[in-house]
């Protein structure tokens, strides 16, 4: 569970175990909420599962109260 004061951008992330929407950048990679405007890129994450590449750019929710 995410504490209310915790920003999604501060949570340690992994490319493994993401939903399709999280891996595609349509949902927050930390909390899973749908993203609209103001999303923050956490950068590219690289991984593989056998011969399958799992490289993806992870996006998280904007900071609470951030101007959009």
N, C-alpha and C. Protein backbone atom coordinates (compact mmCIF):
# COMPACT_ATOMS: atom_id res chain seq x y z
N UNK A 1 0.85 -1.18 0.00
CA UNK A 1 0.00 0.00 0.00
C UNK A 1 0.89 1.24 0.00
N UNK A 2 0.47 2.24 -0.75
CA UNK A 2 1.22 3.48 -0.86
C UNK A 2 0.69 4.47 0.15
N UNK A 3 1.59 5.03 0.97
CA UNK A 3 1.21 6.06 1.95
C UNK A 3 0.87 7.33 1.19
N UNK A 4 -0.10 8.07 1.66
CA UNK A 4 -0.58 9.28 0.97
C UNK A 4 0.54 10.28 0.68
N UNK A 5 1.54 10.41 1.58
CA UNK A 5 2.60 11.39 1.39
C UNK A 5 3.67 10.89 0.42
N UNK A 6 3.64 9.63 0.07
CA UNK A 6 4.65 9.06 -0.82
C UNK A 6 4.33 9.43 -2.27
N UNK A 7 5.32 9.95 -2.96
CA UNK A 7 5.15 10.28 -4.37
C UNK A 7 5.45 9.04 -5.20
N UNK A 8 4.67 8.82 -6.23
CA UNK A 8 4.89 7.66 -7.11
C UNK A 8 6.29 7.68 -7.71
N UNK A 9 6.82 8.87 -7.94
CA UNK A 9 8.16 8.96 -8.55
C UNK A 9 9.26 8.51 -7.61
N UNK A 10 8.98 8.35 -6.30
CA UNK A 10 10.00 7.93 -5.33
C UNK A 10 9.98 6.44 -5.03
N UNK A 11 9.00 5.72 -5.56
CA UNK A 11 8.87 4.29 -5.27
C UNK A 11 9.81 3.50 -6.17
N UNK A 12 10.59 2.56 -5.61
CA UNK A 12 11.45 1.73 -6.45
C UNK A 12 10.61 0.93 -7.44
N UNK A 13 11.06 0.88 -8.70
CA UNK A 13 10.29 0.21 -9.75
C UNK A 13 11.09 -0.92 -10.38
N UNK A 14 10.37 -1.82 -11.00
CA UNK A 14 10.96 -2.90 -11.78
C UNK A 14 10.12 -3.09 -13.03
N UNK A 15 10.76 -3.49 -14.11
CA UNK A 15 10.03 -3.74 -15.36
C UNK A 15 9.25 -5.05 -15.26
N UNK A 16 9.61 -5.90 -14.33
CA UNK A 16 8.95 -7.20 -14.19
C UNK A 16 7.64 -7.06 -13.40
N UNK A 17 6.61 -7.74 -13.85
CA UNK A 17 5.33 -7.74 -13.14
C UNK A 17 4.42 -6.58 -13.49
N UNK A 18 4.75 -5.80 -14.51
CA UNK A 18 3.89 -4.69 -14.90
C UNK A 18 2.69 -5.19 -15.69
N UNK A 19 1.57 -4.48 -15.58
CA UNK A 19 0.41 -4.78 -16.41
C UNK A 19 0.70 -4.26 -17.82
N UNK A 20 -0.14 -4.65 -18.79
CA UNK A 20 0.03 -4.15 -20.16
C UNK A 20 -0.06 -2.63 -20.20
N UNK A 21 -1.01 -2.06 -19.47
CA UNK A 21 -1.18 -0.60 -19.48
C UNK A 21 0.02 0.10 -18.85
N UNK A 22 0.59 -0.46 -17.79
CA UNK A 22 1.77 0.14 -17.17
C UNK A 22 2.96 0.08 -18.12
N UNK A 23 3.17 -1.05 -18.78
CA UNK A 23 4.30 -1.19 -19.70
C UNK A 23 4.14 -0.30 -20.93
N UNK A 24 2.90 -0.01 -21.32
CA UNK A 24 2.64 0.84 -22.48
C UNK A 24 2.61 2.32 -22.13
N UNK A 25 2.71 2.68 -20.85
CA UNK A 25 2.70 4.07 -20.45
C UNK A 25 1.32 4.67 -20.28
N UNK A 26 0.28 3.83 -20.25
CA UNK A 26 -1.08 4.33 -20.07
C UNK A 26 -1.51 4.34 -18.61
N UNK A 27 -0.73 3.66 -17.74
CA UNK A 27 -1.04 3.61 -16.31
C UNK A 27 0.26 3.83 -15.53
N UNK A 28 0.13 4.36 -14.33
CA UNK A 28 1.28 4.62 -13.47
C UNK A 28 2.01 3.31 -13.17
N UNK A 29 3.32 3.30 -13.36
CA UNK A 29 4.12 2.10 -13.11
C UNK A 29 4.23 1.79 -11.62
N UNK A 30 3.93 2.76 -10.75
CA UNK A 30 4.03 2.54 -9.31
C UNK A 30 2.70 2.12 -8.68
N UNK A 31 1.62 2.85 -8.99
CA UNK A 31 0.34 2.58 -8.32
C UNK A 31 -0.72 1.97 -9.24
N UNK A 32 -0.51 2.04 -10.57
CA UNK A 32 -1.45 1.44 -11.51
C UNK A 32 -2.62 2.31 -11.93
N UNK A 33 -2.71 3.54 -11.40
CA UNK A 33 -3.81 4.43 -11.79
C UNK A 33 -3.62 4.89 -13.23
N UNK A 34 -4.72 5.08 -13.97
CA UNK A 34 -4.61 5.57 -15.36
C UNK A 34 -3.95 6.95 -15.39
N UNK A 35 -3.09 7.16 -16.38
CA UNK A 35 -2.40 8.44 -16.53
C UNK A 35 -3.11 9.30 -17.55
N UNK A 36 -3.14 10.60 -17.30
CA UNK A 36 -3.70 11.54 -18.26
C UNK A 36 -2.63 12.58 -18.55
N UNK A 37 -2.75 13.77 -18.01
CA UNK A 37 -1.75 14.81 -18.26
C UNK A 37 -0.82 14.92 -17.07
N UNK A 38 0.37 15.42 -17.32
CA UNK A 38 1.32 15.67 -16.24
C UNK A 38 2.13 14.46 -15.80
N UNK A 39 2.03 13.34 -16.51
CA UNK A 39 2.78 12.15 -16.12
C UNK A 39 4.29 12.44 -16.14
N UNK A 40 5.02 11.78 -15.25
CA UNK A 40 6.46 11.99 -15.10
C UNK A 40 7.20 10.74 -15.58
N UNK A 41 8.14 10.92 -16.50
CA UNK A 41 8.92 9.78 -16.99
C UNK A 41 9.96 9.40 -15.94
N UNK A 42 10.05 8.09 -15.65
CA UNK A 42 11.10 7.58 -14.76
C UNK A 42 12.26 7.04 -15.56
N UNK A 43 12.21 7.20 -16.88
CA UNK A 43 13.30 6.77 -17.74
C UNK A 43 13.05 5.39 -18.33
N UNK A 44 14.00 4.95 -19.12
CA UNK A 44 13.90 3.64 -19.77
C UNK A 44 14.41 2.56 -18.84
N UNK A 45 13.71 1.45 -18.81
CA UNK A 45 14.11 0.28 -18.03
C UNK A 45 14.31 -0.86 -19.00
N UNK A 46 15.40 -1.58 -18.81
CA UNK A 46 15.78 -2.63 -19.75
C UNK A 46 15.72 -3.98 -19.06
N UNK A 47 15.21 -4.95 -19.75
CA UNK A 47 15.15 -6.30 -19.22
C UNK A 47 14.80 -7.28 -20.32
N UNK A 48 14.91 -8.54 -20.00
CA UNK A 48 14.50 -9.56 -20.95
C UNK A 48 14.03 -10.79 -20.19
N UNK A 49 13.25 -11.58 -20.88
CA UNK A 49 12.76 -12.85 -20.36
C UNK A 49 13.04 -13.86 -21.46
N UNK A 50 14.16 -14.57 -21.33
CA UNK A 50 14.60 -15.43 -22.42
C UNK A 50 14.97 -14.57 -23.60
N UNK A 51 14.38 -14.83 -24.76
CA UNK A 51 14.65 -14.04 -25.96
C UNK A 51 13.75 -12.83 -26.10
N UNK A 52 12.84 -12.62 -25.18
CA UNK A 52 11.87 -11.53 -25.28
C UNK A 52 12.40 -10.28 -24.56
N UNK A 53 12.51 -9.19 -25.31
CA UNK A 53 12.97 -7.93 -24.73
C UNK A 53 11.81 -7.27 -23.99
N UNK A 54 12.08 -6.75 -22.82
CA UNK A 54 11.06 -6.09 -22.00
C UNK A 54 11.37 -4.61 -21.81
N UNK A 55 12.18 -4.02 -22.71
CA UNK A 55 12.53 -2.62 -22.59
C UNK A 55 11.27 -1.76 -22.67
N UNK A 56 11.16 -0.82 -21.78
CA UNK A 56 10.00 0.07 -21.78
C UNK A 56 10.35 1.36 -21.04
N UNK A 57 9.66 2.43 -21.40
CA UNK A 57 9.79 3.69 -20.67
C UNK A 57 8.70 3.71 -19.61
N UNK A 58 9.09 3.86 -18.36
CA UNK A 58 8.13 3.84 -17.27
C UNK A 58 7.68 5.26 -16.93
N UNK A 59 6.37 5.40 -16.75
CA UNK A 59 5.75 6.69 -16.42
C UNK A 59 5.01 6.55 -15.09
N UNK A 60 5.02 7.62 -14.31
CA UNK A 60 4.34 7.63 -13.00
C UNK A 60 3.45 8.87 -12.88
N UNK A 61 2.61 8.86 -11.86
CA UNK A 61 1.70 9.98 -11.58
C UNK A 61 2.48 11.26 -11.31
N UNK A 62 1.89 12.40 -11.65
CA UNK A 62 2.53 13.67 -11.27
C UNK A 62 2.48 13.83 -9.76
N UNK A 63 3.35 14.70 -9.25
CA UNK A 63 3.35 14.95 -7.81
C UNK A 63 1.99 15.51 -7.37
N UNK A 64 1.52 15.13 -6.18
CA UNK A 64 0.25 15.68 -5.68
C UNK A 64 0.33 17.20 -5.61
N UNK A 65 -0.65 17.86 -6.15
CA UNK A 65 -0.70 19.32 -6.11
C UNK A 65 0.14 20.00 -7.17
N UNK A 66 0.76 19.23 -8.06
CA UNK A 66 1.59 19.84 -9.11
C UNK A 66 0.70 20.55 -10.12
N UNK A 67 1.16 21.70 -10.56
CA UNK A 67 0.40 22.45 -11.58
C UNK A 67 0.45 21.69 -12.88
N UNK A 68 -0.71 21.64 -13.57
CA UNK A 68 -0.76 20.88 -14.82
C UNK A 68 -1.02 21.77 -15.98
